[in-house]
Amino acid sequence: MLLKEVTSIKFLVIVNPHSGKKESRQVLDVVVPIFKSNNIELSITRTEFPGHARDLTAALDLDIYHALLVVGGDGTFHEVVNGLLNRTDGRILPIGLIPAGSGNSVMHDLDLINPAKAAEAIVAGNTRFIDVAQIQMNHLLTYSINLIGWGLVTDVGKRSETFRWLGPSRYTVSSIIEILLRRTRKARLIIDQETIVGQFSFIAACNSVHVGKGMKMAPSAELSDGLIDLLIVEGDISRRRLLSVLPKLFDGTHVDEPEVTYYQASSFSLYPETEDILNIDGELLGTTPIDVKVLKHAIEIFGEI
């Protein structure tokens, strides 16, 4: 999308005032002048409840906007993408991401975690298409932009909700507790045409290198390669080994550990013995079993290439 070729530019800005440390007002103070100085008109709307960004995007009149801007984190981006891909008219608009959440995974991949730098990248007008993971679970169809987690990954997410007062460190505390509990689950996992049956500690499927607050969960992931990167840790890993692997998530060296198996695939299915809640883009959503396939270049985002 070349903004310089458009004489009158108007963006809809979807702001999540509850995202992260609730700093969206300060972020807007920084980025709004950048857009105004480039003659870009902004229409700002704030979300009022979970799912609001999805509902807004699904019902928008896209004829009056040139792009959608998201001021929030992974959860708000997830909602906007789900709203776009569930539109009855099948239309999409480029999405500009301005980080203001506790997790900004895609922006870490793009090295655009500074709000002003992200706004300047949007103004530059360069866009790229990235993949989305389509998740079929029971009778529900949803989409993921960066993470589908099961097992320990979900247990940590559930427990961290009770420690929100700790800030980002709640994930480390919750991880240690869940590792000490060391719960495993039996499941059948199908990766493309390969079937694995066993006890698992966790499975994480990633479209982005980073998850959460900059953890390099899938160091070989690319946003637009048509593949999803799966990290599998089977259930026979000891507590001591799990605790030693945990810090390595921040630099990506965990993939070199013998208990970690790394796959890249265009699709996978997960059928556990029990129905389990999932961690989808940092939110606890849906239940297993699931069938997942990658939709290559499903959405367009602003960002440096």
C-alpha atoms as a PDB file:
ATOM      1  CA  MET A   1       0.000   0.000   0.000  1.00  0.00           C
ATOM      2  CA  LEU A   2       1.555   3.296  -1.105  1.00  0.00           C
ATOM      3  CA  LEU A   3       0.124   6.070   1.064  1.00  0.00           C
ATOM      4  CA  LYS A   4       1.797   8.761  -1.037  1.00  0.00           C
ATOM      5  CA  GLU A   5      -0.454   7.839  -3.941  1.00  0.00           C
ATOM      6  CA  VAL A   6      -3.588   8.532  -1.860  1.00  0.00           C
ATOM      7  CA  THR A   7      -4.660  12.184  -1.644  1.00  0.00           C
ATOM      8  CA  SER A   8      -6.911  11.845   1.413  1.00  0.00           C
ATOM      9  CA  ILE A   9      -5.951   9.236   3.996  1.00  0.00           C
ATOM     10  CA  LYS A  10      -8.139   8.075   6.871  1.00  0.00           C
ATOM     11  CA  PHE A  11      -7.298   5.364   9.407  1.00  0.00           C
ATOM     12  CA  LEU A  12      -9.538   3.788  12.012  1.00  0.00           C
ATOM     13  CA  VAL A  13      -7.655   3.437  15.299  1.00  0.00           C
ATOM     14  CA  ILE A  14      -8.876   0.665  17.607  1.00  0.00           C
ATOM     15  CA  VAL A  15      -7.549   1.279  21.113  1.00  0.00           C
ATOM     16  CA  ASN A  16      -7.669  -1.222  23.948  1.00  0.00           C
ATOM     17  CA  PRO A  17      -7.543   0.968  27.084  1.00  0.00           C
ATOM     18  CA  HIS A  18      -7.117  -2.107  29.314  1.00  0.00           C
ATOM     19  CA  SER A  19      -4.169  -3.631  27.454  1.00  0.00           C
ATOM     20  CA  GLY A  20      -0.845  -4.150  29.236  1.00  0.00           C
ATOM     21  CA  LYS A  21      -0.206  -1.515  31.895  1.00  0.00           C
ATOM     22  CA  LYS A  22      -3.119   0.597  30.602  1.00  0.00           C
ATOM     23  CA  GLU A  23      -0.744   3.050  28.917  1.00  0.00           C
ATOM     24  CA  SER A  24      -2.758   3.512  25.720  1.00  0.00           C
ATOM     25  CA  ARG A  25      -3.423   7.201  26.497  1.00  0.00           C
ATOM     26  CA  GLN A  26       0.302   7.920  26.767  1.00  0.00           C
ATOM     27  CA  VAL A  27       0.978   5.922  23.593  1.00  0.00           C
ATOM     28  CA  LEU A  28      -1.656   7.913  21.701  1.00  0.00           C
ATOM     29  CA  ASP A  29      -0.061  11.163  22.899  1.00  0.00           C
ATOM     30  CA  VAL A  30       3.169  10.003  21.263  1.00  0.00           C
ATOM     31  CA  VAL A  31       1.848   8.641  17.950  1.00  0.00           C
ATOM     32  CA  VAL A  32      -1.099  10.893  17.037  1.00  0.00           C
ATOM     33  CA  PRO A  33       1.149  13.899  16.186  1.00  0.00           C
ATOM     34  CA  ILE A  34       3.210  11.645  13.887  1.00  0.00           C
ATOM     35  CA  PHE A  35       0.142  10.796  11.823  1.00  0.00           C
ATOM     36  CA  LYS A  36      -1.246  14.341  11.854  1.00  0.00           C
ATOM     37  CA  SER A  37       2.062  15.766  10.638  1.00  0.00           C
ATOM     38  CA  ASN A  38       1.769  13.423   7.657  1.00  0.00           C
ATOM     39  CA  ASN A  39      -1.803  14.548   6.872  1.00  0.00           C
ATOM     40  CA  ILE A  40      -3.375  11.270   7.990  1.00  0.00           C
ATOM     41  CA  GLU A  41      -6.823  11.595   9.517  1.00  0.00           C
ATOM     42  CA  LEU A  42      -7.524   9.348  12.486  1.00  0.00           C
ATOM     43  CA  SER A  43     -10.858   8.104  13.757  1.00  0.00           C
ATOM     44  CA  ILE A  44     -10.261   6.746  17.261  1.00  0.00           C
ATOM     45  CA  THR A  45     -12.510   4.186  18.962  1.00  0.00           C
ATOM     46  CA  ARG A  46     -11.891   2.451  22.282  1.00  0.00           C
ATOM     47  CA  THR A  47     -12.888  -1.093  23.101  1.00  0.00           C
ATOM     48  CA  GLU A  48     -15.252  -1.544  26.016  1.00  0.00           C
ATOM     49  CA  PHE A  49     -15.313  -5.304  26.632  1.00  0.00           C
ATOM     50  CA  PRO A  50     -13.520  -8.520  25.584  1.00  0.00           C
ATOM     51  CA  GLY A  51     -14.360  -9.312  21.955  1.00  0.00           C
ATOM     52  CA  HIS A  52     -15.318  -5.716  21.159  1.00  0.00           C
ATOM     53  CA  ALA A  53     -12.450  -5.233  18.680  1.00  0.00           C
ATOM     54  CA  ARG A  54     -13.534  -8.380  16.841  1.00  0.00           C
ATOM     55  CA  ASP A  55     -17.154  -7.209  16.645  1.00  0.00           C
ATOM     56  CA  LEU A  56     -16.155  -3.726  15.468  1.00  0.00           C
ATOM     57  CA  THR A  57     -13.891  -5.055  12.723  1.00  0.00           C
ATOM     58  CA  ALA A  58     -16.423  -7.583  11.482  1.00  0.00           C
ATOM     59  CA  ALA A  59     -19.093  -4.897  11.033  1.00  0.00           C
ATOM     60  CA  LEU A  60     -16.997  -1.954   9.776  1.00  0.00           C
ATOM     61  CA  ASP A  61     -17.755  -0.007   6.634  1.00  0.00           C
ATOM     62  CA  LEU A  62     -14.349  -0.534   5.049  1.00  0.00           C
ATOM     63  CA  ASP A  63     -15.064   1.890   2.209  1.00  0.00           C
ATOM     64  CA  ILE A  64     -14.316   4.917   4.390  1.00  0.00           C
ATOM     65  CA  TYR A  65     -10.915   3.786   5.731  1.00  0.00           C
ATOM     66  CA  HIS A  66      -7.567   3.013   4.147  1.00  0.00           C
ATOM     67  CA  ALA A  67      -6.220   0.968   7.062  1.00  0.00           C
ATOM     68  CA  LEU A  68      -6.875  -0.207  10.605  1.00  0.00           C
ATOM     69  CA  LEU A  69      -4.524   0.705  13.433  1.00  0.00           C
ATOM     70  CA  VAL A  70      -4.373  -1.394  16.582  1.00  0.00           C
ATOM     71  CA  VAL A  71      -3.155   0.206  19.823  1.00  0.00           C
ATOM     72  CA  GLY A  72      -2.842  -2.725  22.191  1.00  0.00           C
ATOM     73  CA  GLY A  73      -1.163  -6.101  22.466  1.00  0.00           C
ATOM     74  CA  ASP A  74      -1.438  -9.587  21.021  1.00  0.00           C
ATOM     75  CA  GLY A  75      -4.985 -10.021  22.304  1.00  0.00           C
ATOM     76  CA  THR A  76      -6.307  -6.927  20.526  1.00  0.00           C
ATOM     77  CA  PHE A  77      -4.491  -7.860  17.301  1.00  0.00           C
ATOM     78  CA  HIS A  78      -5.988 -11.355  17.592  1.00  0.00           C
ATOM     79  CA  GLU A  79      -9.498  -9.889  17.852  1.00  0.00           C
ATOM     80  CA  VAL A  80      -9.042  -7.556  14.864  1.00  0.00           C
ATOM     81  CA  VAL A  81      -7.745 -10.379  12.662  1.00  0.00           C
ATOM     82  CA  ASN A  82     -10.634 -12.615  13.693  1.00  0.00           C
ATOM     83  CA  GLY A  83     -13.082  -9.825  12.911  1.00  0.00           C
ATOM     84  CA  LEU A  84     -11.588  -9.277   9.457  1.00  0.00           C
ATOM     85  CA  LEU A  85     -11.432 -12.959   8.536  1.00  0.00           C
ATOM     86  CA  ASN A  86     -15.021 -13.525   9.645  1.00  0.00           C
ATOM     87  CA  ARG A  87     -16.444 -10.722   7.512  1.00  0.00           C
ATOM     88  CA  THR A  88     -19.231 -11.856   5.214  1.00  0.00           C
ATOM     89  CA  ASP A  89     -17.854  -9.756   2.332  1.00  0.00           C
ATOM     90  CA  GLY A  90     -14.366 -11.284   2.577  1.00  0.00           C
ATOM     91  CA  ARG A  91     -12.675  -7.861   2.474  1.00  0.00           C
ATOM     92  CA  ILE A  92      -9.541  -6.996   4.411  1.00  0.00           C
ATOM     93  CA  LEU A  93      -7.579  -3.810   5.056  1.00  0.00           C
ATOM     94  CA  PRO A  94      -3.913  -3.361   5.975  1.00  0.00           C
ATOM     95  CA  ILE A  95      -3.334  -3.428   9.730  1.00  0.00           C
ATOM     96  CA  GLY A  96      -0.923  -1.118  11.513  1.00  0.00           C
ATOM     97  CA  LEU A  97       0.289  -2.306  14.919  1.00  0.00           C
ATOM     98  CA  ILE A  98       1.264   0.109  17.672  1.00  0.00           C
ATOM     99  CA  PRO A  99       2.488  -1.787  20.733  1.00  0.00           C
ATOM    100  CA  ALA A 100       0.756  -0.982  24.020  1.00  0.00           C
ATOM    101  CA  GLY A 101       0.192  -4.421  25.519  1.00  0.00           C
ATOM    102  CA  SER A 102       1.908  -6.838  27.883  1.00  0.00           C
ATOM    103  CA  GLY A 103       2.740  -9.019  24.874  1.00  0.00           C
ATOM    104  CA  ASN A 104       3.570  -7.709  21.395  1.00  0.00           C
ATOM    105  CA  SER A 105       4.939 -10.814  19.713  1.00  0.00           C
ATOM    106  CA  VAL A 106       4.736  -9.823  16.053  1.00  0.00           C
ATOM    107  CA  MET A 107       6.212  -6.403  16.809  1.00  0.00           C
ATOM    108  CA  HIS A 108       9.183  -8.080  18.477  1.00  0.00           C
ATOM    109  CA  ASP A 109       9.700 -10.039  15.249  1.00  0.00           C
ATOM    110  CA  LEU A 110       9.595  -6.776  13.264  1.00  0.00           C
ATOM    111  CA  ASP A 111      11.802  -4.943  15.791  1.00  0.00           C
ATOM    112  CA  LEU A 112       9.094  -2.308  16.178  1.00  0.00           C
ATOM    113  CA  ILE A 113       8.361  -2.429  19.896  1.00  0.00           C
ATOM    114  CA  ASN A 114       8.800   1.325  20.288  1.00  0.00           C
ATOM    115  CA  PRO A 115       5.423   3.019  19.595  1.00  0.00           C
ATOM    116  CA  ALA A 116       6.941   6.033  17.794  1.00  0.00           C
ATOM    117  CA  LYS A 117       9.073   3.800  15.574  1.00  0.00           C
ATOM    118  CA  ALA A 118       6.016   1.650  14.821  1.00  0.00           C
ATOM    119  CA  ALA A 119       4.003   4.749  13.845  1.00  0.00           C
ATOM    120  CA  GLU A 120       6.795   5.948  11.559  1.00  0.00           C
ATOM    121  CA  ALA A 121       6.879   2.529   9.862  1.00  0.00           C
ATOM    122  CA  ILE A 122       3.143   2.831   9.203  1.00  0.00           C
ATOM    123  CA  VAL A 123       3.526   6.338   7.788  1.00  0.00           C
ATOM    124  CA  ALA A 124       6.251   5.018   5.464  1.00  0.00           C
ATOM    125  CA  GLY A 125       3.483   2.957   3.861  1.00  0.00           C
ATOM    126  CA  ASN A 126       5.373  -0.307   3.331  1.00  0.00           C
ATOM    127  CA  THR A 127       3.230  -3.385   3.887  1.00  0.00           C
ATOM    128  CA  ARG A 128       3.761  -7.123   3.810  1.00  0.00           C
ATOM    129  CA  PHE A 129       1.471 -10.141   3.872  1.00  0.00           C
ATOM    130  CA  ILE A 130       1.768 -12.576   6.770  1.00  0.00           C
ATOM    131  CA  ASP A 131       0.295 -15.956   7.600  1.00  0.00           C
ATOM    132  CA  VAL A 132      -2.511 -16.810   9.984  1.00  0.00           C
ATOM    133  CA  ALA A 133      -3.265 -20.190  11.593  1.00  0.00           C
ATOM    134  CA  GLN A 134      -6.861 -21.366  11.142  1.00  0.00           C
ATOM    135  CA  ILE A 135      -8.071 -23.436  14.095  1.00  0.00           C
ATOM    136  CA  GLN A 136     -11.081 -25.746  13.869  1.00  0.00           C
ATOM    137  CA  MET A 137     -12.286 -26.919  17.288  1.00  0.00           C
ATOM    138  CA  ASN A 138     -15.595 -28.659  17.737  1.00  0.00           C
ATOM    139  CA  HIS A 139     -18.018 -26.325  15.924  1.00  0.00           C
ATOM    140  CA  LEU A 140     -15.909 -23.199  16.379  1.00  0.00           C
ATOM    141  CA  LEU A 141     -13.540 -21.682  13.811  1.00  0.00           C
ATOM    142  CA  THR A 142     -10.977 -19.168  15.025  1.00  0.00           C
ATOM    143  CA  TYR A 143      -7.642 -17.723  13.909  1.00  0.00           C
ATOM    144  CA  SER A 144      -4.259 -17.311  15.604  1.00  0.00           C
ATOM    145  CA  ILE A 145      -1.632 -14.723  14.787  1.00  0.00           C
ATOM    146  CA  ASN A 146       1.257 -16.031  16.862  1.00  0.00           C
ATOM    147  CA  LEU A 147       0.707 -18.861  19.383  1.00  0.00           C
ATOM    148  CA  ILE A 148      -1.350 -21.986  19.961  1.00  0.00           C
ATOM    149  CA  GLY A 149      -0.288 -23.560  23.252  1.00  0.00           C
ATOM    150  CA  TRP A 150      -1.363 -26.722  25.035  1.00  0.00           C
ATOM    151  CA  GLY A 151      -0.296 -28.454  28.235  1.00  0.00           C
ATOM    152  CA  LEU A 152       2.223 -26.646  30.438  1.00  0.00           C
ATOM    153  CA  VAL A 153       1.904 -23.543  28.229  1.00  0.00           C
ATOM    154  CA  THR A 154      -1.795 -23.311  29.086  1.00  0.00           C
ATOM    155  CA  ASP A 155      -1.316 -24.236  32.743  1.00  0.00           C
ATOM    156  CA  VAL A 156       1.148 -21.349  33.098  1.00  0.00           C
ATOM    157  CA  GLY A 157      -1.333 -18.974  31.433  1.00  0.00           C
ATOM    158  CA  LYS A 158      -4.138 -20.026  33.775  1.00  0.00           C
ATOM    159  CA  ARG A 159      -2.025 -19.709  36.900  1.00  0.00           C
ATOM    160  CA  SER A 160      -0.517 -16.361  35.833  1.00  0.00           C
ATOM    161  CA  GLU A 161      -3.999 -14.810  35.855  1.00  0.00           C
ATOM    162  CA  THR A 162      -3.969 -15.154  39.643  1.00  0.00           C
ATOM    163  CA  PHE A 163      -0.626 -13.318  39.821  1.00  0.00           C
ATOM    164  CA  ARG A 164      -1.393 -10.329  37.593  1.00  0.00           C
ATOM    165  CA  TRP A 165      -0.261  -7.994  40.382  1.00  0.00           C
ATOM    166  CA  LEU A 166       3.299  -9.246  39.778  1.00  0.00           C
ATOM    167  CA  GLY A 167       3.386  -7.801  36.256  1.00  0.00           C
ATOM    168  CA  PRO A 168       5.430  -9.617  33.580  1.00  0.00           C
ATOM    169  CA  SER A 169       7.290 -11.651  36.242  1.00  0.00           C
ATOM    170  CA  ARG A 170       4.041 -13.521  36.904  1.00  0.00           C
ATOM    171  CA  TYR A 171       4.859 -15.782  33.941  1.00  0.00           C
ATOM    172  CA  THR A 172       8.202 -16.835  35.464  1.00  0.00           C
ATOM    173  CA  VAL A 173       6.640 -17.492  38.870  1.00  0.00           C
ATOM    174  CA  SER A 174       3.772 -19.446  37.309  1.00  0.00           C
ATOM    175  CA  SER A 175       6.180 -21.448  35.141  1.00  0.00           C
ATOM    176  CA  ILE A 176       8.208 -22.548  38.161  1.00  0.00           C
ATOM    177  CA  ILE A 177       5.072 -23.621  40.040  1.00  0.00           C
ATOM    178  CA  GLU A 178       3.726 -25.620  37.096  1.00  0.00           C
ATOM    179  CA  ILE A 179       7.107 -27.249  36.456  1.00  0.00           C
ATOM    180  CA  LEU A 180       7.198 -28.399  40.082  1.00  0.00           C
ATOM    181  CA  LEU A 181       3.695 -29.849  39.671  1.00  0.00           C
ATOM    182  CA  ARG A 182       4.890 -31.547  36.432  1.00  0.00           C
ATOM    183  CA  ARG A 183       1.567 -32.537  34.910  1.00  0.00           C
ATOM    184  CA  THR A 184       1.594 -34.523  31.670  1.00  0.00           C
ATOM    185  CA  ARG A 185      -1.163 -35.394  29.206  1.00  0.00           C
ATOM    186  CA  LYS A 186      -1.606 -38.229  26.736  1.00  0.00           C
ATOM    187  CA  ALA A 187      -2.504 -37.263  23.174  1.00  0.00           C
ATOM    188  CA  ARG A 188      -2.331 -38.160  19.499  1.00  0.00           C
ATOM    189  CA  LEU A 189      -0.538 -35.503  17.466  1.00  0.00           C
ATOM    190  CA  ILE A 190      -0.593 -35.467  13.665  1.00  0.00           C
ATOM    191  CA  ILE A 191       1.963 -33.193  11.969  1.00  0.00           C
ATOM    192  CA  ASP A 192       1.269 -33.078   8.233  1.00  0.00           C
ATOM    193  CA  GLN A 193       1.287 -36.857   7.596  1.00  0.00           C
ATOM    194  CA  GLU A 194       3.251 -37.993  10.675  1.00  0.00           C
ATOM    195  CA  THR A 195       1.428 -39.334  13.757  1.00  0.00           C
ATOM    196  CA  ILE A 196       2.908 -39.238  17.266  1.00  0.00           C
ATOM    197  CA  VAL A 197       1.147 -40.839  20.253  1.00  0.00           C
ATOM    198  CA  GLY A 198       2.532 -40.288  23.738  1.00  0.00           C
ATOM    199  CA  GLN A 199       2.628 -38.364  26.993  1.00  0.00           C
ATOM    200  CA  PHE A 200       3.419 -34.684  26.553  1.00  0.00           C
ATOM    201  CA  SER A 201       4.543 -31.905  28.847  1.00  0.00           C
ATOM    202  CA  PHE A 202       3.558 -29.241  26.340  1.00  0.00           C
ATOM    203  CA  ILE A 203       3.144 -28.376  22.684  1.00  0.00           C
ATOM    204  CA  ALA A 204       3.534 -24.836  21.351  1.00  0.00           C
ATOM    205  CA  ALA A 205       2.708 -23.942  17.754  1.00  0.00           C
ATOM    206  CA  CYS A 206       4.103 -20.568  16.707  1.00  0.00           C
ATOM    207  CA  ASN A 207       3.775 -18.307  13.687  1.00  0.00           C
ATOM    208  CA  SER A 208       6.200 -15.754  15.159  1.00  0.00           C
ATOM    209  CA  VAL A 209       9.655 -16.163  16.660  1.00  0.00           C
ATOM    210  CA  HIS A 210       8.616 -14.370  19.828  1.00  0.00           C
ATOM    211  CA  VAL A 211       5.795 -14.982  22.286  1.00  0.00           C
ATOM    212  CA  GLY A 212       4.761 -12.898  25.263  1.00  0.00           C
ATOM    213  CA  LYS A 213       7.315 -10.373  26.469  1.00  0.00           C
ATOM    214  CA  GLY A 214      10.053 -11.207  23.981  1.00  0.00           C
ATOM    215  CA  MET A 215      10.621 -14.933  24.589  1.00  0.00           C
ATOM    216  CA  LYS A 216      12.172 -16.599  21.505  1.00  0.00           C
ATOM    217  CA  MET A 217       9.898 -19.633  21.597  1.00  0.00           C
ATOM    218  CA  ALA A 218      10.311 -20.536  17.900  1.00  0.00           C
ATOM    219  CA  PRO A 219      13.662 -19.137  16.703  1.00  0.00           C
ATOM    220  CA  SER A 220      13.273 -20.459  13.141  1.00  0.00           C
ATOM    221  CA  ALA A 221       9.738 -19.122  12.618  1.00  0.00           C
ATOM    222  CA  GLU A 222       8.934 -16.707   9.810  1.00  0.00           C
ATOM    223  CA  LEU A 223       5.717 -14.718   9.594  1.00  0.00           C
ATOM    224  CA  SER A 224       5.106 -15.383   5.907  1.00  0.00           C
ATOM    225  CA  ASP A 225       6.618 -18.784   5.016  1.00  0.00           C
ATOM    226  CA  GLY A 226       3.351 -20.745   4.977  1.00  0.00           C
ATOM    227  CA  LEU A 227       4.515 -22.901   7.890  1.00  0.00           C
ATOM    228  CA  ILE A 228       3.808 -23.113  11.601  1.00  0.00           C
ATOM    229  CA  ASP A 229       6.654 -24.027  13.964  1.00  0.00           C
ATOM    230  CA  LEU A 230       5.889 -26.670  16.595  1.00  0.00           C
ATOM    231  CA  LEU A 231       7.883 -27.205  19.767  1.00  0.00           C
ATOM    232  CA  ILE A 232       7.183 -30.478  21.495  1.00  0.00           C
ATOM    233  CA  VAL A 233       8.359 -31.543  24.939  1.00  0.00           C
ATOM    234  CA  GLU A 234       7.355 -35.077  25.824  1.00  0.00           C
ATOM    235  CA  GLY A 235       6.292 -36.084  29.298  1.00  0.00           C
ATOM    236  CA  ASP A 236       9.398 -37.942  30.449  1.00  0.00           C
ATOM    237  CA  ILE A 237      11.409 -34.759  31.059  1.00  0.00           C
ATOM    238  CA  SER A 238      12.365 -34.277  34.730  1.00  0.00           C
ATOM    239  CA  ARG A 239      11.538 -31.255  36.876  1.00  0.00           C
ATOM    240  CA  ARG A 240      15.227 -30.392  37.089  1.00  0.00           C
ATOM    241  CA  ARG A 241      15.577 -30.446  33.308  1.00  0.00           C
ATOM    242  CA  LEU A 242      12.428 -28.337  32.827  1.00  0.00           C
ATOM    243  CA  LEU A 243      13.782 -25.750  35.250  1.00  0.00           C
ATOM    244  CA  SER A 244      17.109 -25.651  33.408  1.00  0.00           C
ATOM    245  CA  VAL A 245      15.417 -25.295  30.007  1.00  0.00           C
ATOM    246  CA  LEU A 246      13.053 -22.475  31.106  1.00  0.00           C
ATOM    247  CA  PRO A 247      15.611 -19.598  31.055  1.00  0.00           C
ATOM    248  CA  LYS A 248      16.731 -20.645  27.578  1.00  0.00           C
ATOM    249  CA  LEU A 249      13.324 -19.673  26.160  1.00  0.00           C
ATOM    250  CA  PHE A 250      14.480 -16.050  26.239  1.00  0.00           C
ATOM    251  CA  ASP A 251      17.351 -16.563  23.790  1.00  0.00           C
ATOM    252  CA  GLY A 252      16.026 -19.497  21.757  1.00  0.00           C
ATOM    253  CA  THR A 253      18.715 -21.994  22.799  1.00  0.00           C
ATOM    254  CA  HIS A 254      16.089 -24.332  24.323  1.00  0.00           C
ATOM    255  CA  VAL A 255      15.648 -25.890  20.876  1.00  0.00           C
ATOM    256  CA  ASP A 256      19.122 -27.444  21.216  1.00  0.00           C
ATOM    257  CA  GLU A 257      18.053 -29.461  24.252  1.00  0.00           C
ATOM    258  CA  PRO A 258      17.531 -33.218  23.628  1.00  0.00           C
ATOM    259  CA  GLU A 259      14.036 -33.209  25.177  1.00  0.00           C
ATOM    260  CA  VAL A 260      12.768 -30.554  22.738  1.00  0.00           C
ATOM    261  CA  THR A 261      11.597 -31.590  19.265  1.00  0.00           C
ATOM    262  CA  TYR A 262      11.106 -28.879  16.638  1.00  0.00           C
ATOM    263  CA  TYR A 263       8.914 -29.242  13.547  1.00  0.00           C
ATOM    264  CA  GLN A 264       7.793 -26.952  10.739  1.00  0.00           C
ATOM    265  CA  ALA A 265       4.506 -27.902   9.085  1.00  0.00           C
ATOM    266  CA  SER A 266       1.631 -26.579   7.026  1.00  0.00           C
ATOM    267  CA  SER A 267      -0.955 -28.282   9.256  1.00  0.00           C
ATOM    268  CA  PHE A 268      -1.343 -30.294  12.447  1.00  0.00           C
ATOM    269  CA  SER A 269      -4.058 -31.899  14.566  1.00  0.00           C
ATOM    270  CA  LEU A 270      -4.107 -32.546  18.298  1.00  0.00           C
ATOM    271  CA  TYR A 271      -6.362 -35.125  19.938  1.00  0.00           C
ATOM    272  CA  PRO A 272      -5.781 -35.440  23.712  1.00  0.00           C
ATOM    273  CA  GLU A 273      -7.535 -37.986  25.924  1.00  0.00           C
ATOM    274  CA  THR A 274      -9.375 -35.146  27.680  1.00  0.00           C
ATOM    275  CA  GLU A 275     -10.771 -31.804  26.546  1.00  0.00           C
ATOM    276  CA  ASP A 276      -8.238 -29.141  27.495  1.00  0.00           C
ATOM    277  CA  ILE A 277      -8.353 -25.372  27.283  1.00  0.00           C
ATOM    278  CA  LEU A 278      -5.834 -23.722  24.939  1.00  0.00           C
ATOM    279  CA  ASN A 279      -3.575 -20.689  25.030  1.00  0.00           C
ATOM    280  CA  ILE A 280      -4.311 -18.857  21.769  1.00  0.00           C
ATOM    281  CA  ASP A 281      -2.321 -15.651  21.266  1.00  0.00           C
ATOM    282  CA  GLY A 282      -1.902 -15.253  25.017  1.00  0.00           C
ATOM    283  CA  GLU A 283      -5.572 -15.734  25.852  1.00  0.00           C
ATOM    284  CA  LEU A 284      -7.217 -18.851  27.323  1.00  0.00           C
ATOM    285  CA  LEU A 285      -9.640 -19.825  24.575  1.00  0.00           C
ATOM    286  CA  GLY A 286     -11.471 -22.859  23.221  1.00  0.00           C
ATOM    287  CA  THR A 287     -10.774 -26.528  23.879  1.00  0.00           C
ATOM    288  CA  THR A 288      -9.143 -29.511  22.249  1.00  0.00           C
ATOM    289  CA  PRO A 289      -9.370 -31.465  19.982  1.00  0.00           C
ATOM    290  CA  ILE A 290      -8.156 -29.112  17.235  1.00  0.00           C
ATOM    291  CA  ASP A 291      -7.293 -29.188  13.548  1.00  0.00           C
ATOM    292  CA  VAL A 292      -4.956 -26.392  12.427  1.00  0.00           C
ATOM    293  CA  LYS A 293      -3.829 -25.274   8.997  1.00  0.00           C
ATOM    294  CA  VAL A 294      -1.759 -22.314   7.878  1.00  0.00           C
ATOM    295  CA  LEU A 295      -3.425 -19.699   5.676  1.00  0.00           C
ATOM    296  CA  LYS A 296      -0.479 -18.279   3.800  1.00  0.00           C
ATOM    297  CA  HIS A 297      -0.435 -14.472   3.379  1.00  0.00           C
ATOM    298  CA  ALA A 298      -3.928 -14.152   4.857  1.00  0.00           C
ATOM    299  CA  ILE A 299      -3.537 -10.598   6.174  1.00  0.00           C
ATOM    300  CA  GLU A 300      -1.563  -7.469   5.317  1.00  0.00           C
ATOM    301  CA  ILE A 301       0.344  -5.474   7.917  1.00  0.00           C
ATOM    302  CA  PHE A 302       2.505  -2.364   7.921  1.00  0.00           C
ATOM    303  CA  GLY A 303       6.125  -2.827   8.864  1.00  0.00           C
ATOM    304  CA  GLU A 304       9.724  -2.719   7.724  1.00  0.00           C
ATOM    305  CA  ILE A 305      10.693  -5.411   5.229  1.00  0.00           C
END
